[in-house]
Amino acid sequence: MLIGTLSELTGCRPHQLRYYEAQGLLEAERSSNGYRRYSVDTVPVVQLIQSLLAVGVSVSDIRQILPSLNQKDERRRWTDLYPILRTRLNAIDRQIHDLHIARRVLVDCIEEIGDQP
């Protein structure tokens, strides 16, 4: 399929798909006229990349784990993914904690000021 079709199927803009390819996350064959051609199997890969990026997994981490995600051995697949997801979850938990503290400080300041202009 051409890049436009892949874009429509995944909701991913063509420039993002070209970026993923440049970063080694996707592979495309080139037709004689130079157009990129993607296999149907690329759709779930793009969806996975988008999901991982949405939760803050880095491109370099995705590049590292993609080969194992394509394996048929499910146990091996998730063994490689688990530590990356766990690390990202821990980072999000730290951010939530820090935001709770910042919120508490702001609430305390607002309450101390009270109705003053």
Protein backbone atom coordinates (compact mmCIF):
# COMPACT_ATOMS: atom_id res chain seq x y z
CA MET A 1 0.00 0.00 0.00
CA LEU A 2 1.09 3.56 -0.58
CA ILE A 3 1.90 6.00 2.20
CA GLY A 4 -1.46 7.81 1.77
CA THR A 5 -3.39 4.60 2.35
CA LEU A 6 -1.29 3.74 5.39
CA SER A 7 -1.88 7.25 6.69
CA GLU A 8 -5.64 6.90 6.28
CA LEU A 9 -5.73 3.48 7.95
CA THR A 10 -3.67 4.55 10.96
CA GLY A 11 -4.48 8.24 11.33
CA CYS A 12 -0.76 8.90 11.18
CA ARG A 13 0.35 11.75 8.93
CA PRO A 14 2.64 10.89 5.99
CA HIS A 15 5.48 13.03 7.37
CA GLN A 16 5.31 11.03 10.62
CA LEU A 17 5.48 7.78 8.68
CA ARG A 18 8.53 9.05 6.81
CA TYR A 19 10.06 10.03 10.17
CA TYR A 20 9.39 6.55 11.59
CA GLU A 21 11.09 5.07 8.54
CA ALA A 22 14.08 7.42 8.90
CA GLN A 23 14.38 6.37 12.55
CA GLY A 24 14.42 2.68 11.63
CA LEU A 25 10.99 1.92 13.04
CA LEU A 26 9.36 1.08 9.70
CA GLU A 27 10.52 -0.44 6.46
CA ALA A 28 9.14 0.39 3.05
CA GLU A 29 9.93 -0.99 -0.34
CA ARG A 30 10.39 1.45 -3.18
CA SER A 31 8.52 1.04 -6.43
CA SER A 32 10.15 1.84 -9.76
CA ASN A 33 8.80 5.38 -9.57
CA GLY A 34 10.27 5.85 -6.08
CA TYR A 35 7.00 5.64 -4.15
CA ARG A 36 7.07 3.96 -0.78
CA ARG A 37 5.13 0.71 -0.57
CA TYR A 38 4.15 -0.75 2.78
CA SER A 39 2.82 -4.20 3.54
CA VAL A 40 -0.53 -4.71 5.26
CA ASP A 41 1.43 -5.91 8.31
CA THR A 42 2.68 -2.34 8.77
CA VAL A 43 -0.70 -1.09 10.05
CA PRO A 44 -0.49 -2.72 13.51
CA VAL A 45 3.18 -1.74 13.79
CA VAL A 46 2.31 1.93 13.20
CA GLN A 47 -0.54 1.67 15.73
CA LEU A 48 1.85 0.18 18.29
CA ILE A 49 4.43 2.90 17.64
CA GLN A 50 1.78 5.58 18.09
CA SER A 51 0.56 4.01 21.34
CA LEU A 52 4.06 3.73 22.77
CA LEU A 53 4.93 7.30 21.79
CA ALA A 54 1.65 8.53 23.33
CA VAL A 55 2.66 7.16 26.73
CA GLY A 56 6.13 8.64 26.48
CA VAL A 57 8.25 5.72 25.34
CA SER A 58 11.21 7.10 23.39
CA VAL A 59 11.91 6.41 19.73
CA SER A 60 15.21 4.78 20.70
CA ASP A 61 13.43 2.44 23.13
CA ILE A 62 10.84 1.58 20.49
CA ARG A 63 13.61 0.87 17.98
CA GLN A 64 15.22 -1.43 20.52
CA ILE A 65 12.11 -3.47 21.26
CA LEU A 66 10.41 -3.65 17.85
CA PRO A 67 12.38 -6.70 16.70
CA SER A 68 11.30 -8.69 19.73
CA LEU A 69 7.66 -7.58 19.32
CA ASN A 70 7.66 -9.16 15.87
CA GLN A 71 8.65 -12.52 17.31
CA LYS A 72 6.14 -15.32 17.52
CA ASP A 73 7.26 -16.18 21.06
CA GLU A 74 4.91 -14.08 23.19
CA ARG A 75 6.94 -14.57 26.37
CA ARG A 76 10.09 -13.19 24.73
CA ARG A 77 8.09 -10.35 23.21
CA TRP A 78 6.78 -9.08 26.55
CA THR A 79 10.03 -9.79 28.39
CA ASP A 80 11.72 -7.08 26.32
CA LEU A 81 8.81 -4.64 26.56
CA TYR A 82 8.06 -4.96 30.28
CA PRO A 83 11.10 -3.09 31.72
CA ILE A 84 10.63 -0.19 29.32
CA LEU A 85 6.95 0.14 30.21
CA ARG A 86 7.71 -0.24 33.92
CA THR A 87 10.33 2.53 33.73
CA ARG A 88 7.89 4.83 31.94
CA LEU A 89 5.14 4.09 34.48
CA ASN A 90 7.52 4.90 37.34
CA ALA A 91 8.39 8.22 35.67
CA ILE A 92 4.70 9.07 35.30
CA ASP A 93 4.09 8.17 38.96
CA ARG A 94 6.91 10.55 39.97
CA GLN A 95 5.39 13.31 37.86
CA ILE A 96 1.98 12.75 39.45
CA HIS A 97 3.55 12.89 42.91
CA ASP A 98 5.38 16.12 42.07
CA LEU A 99 2.19 17.64 40.66
CA HIS A 100 0.27 16.76 43.84
CA ILE A 101 2.91 18.57 45.88
CA ALA A 102 2.81 21.60 43.57
CA ARG A 103 -0.98 21.64 43.79
CA ARG A 104 -0.89 21.49 47.57
CA VAL A 105 1.53 24.43 47.70
CA LEU A 106 -0.72 26.48 45.41
CA VAL A 107 -3.84 25.63 47.40
CA ASP A 108 -2.07 26.61 50.63
CA CYS A 109 -0.95 29.93 49.13
CA ILE A 110 -4.45 30.69 47.82
CA GLU A 111 -6.01 29.84 51.18
CA GLU A 112 -3.48 32.03 53.00
CA ILE A 113 -4.21 34.96 50.71
CA GLY A 114 -7.91 34.43 51.13
CA ASP A 115 -10.21 37.00 49.58
CA GLN A 116 -7.52 39.66 49.24
CA PRO A 117 -7.31 41.26 45.78
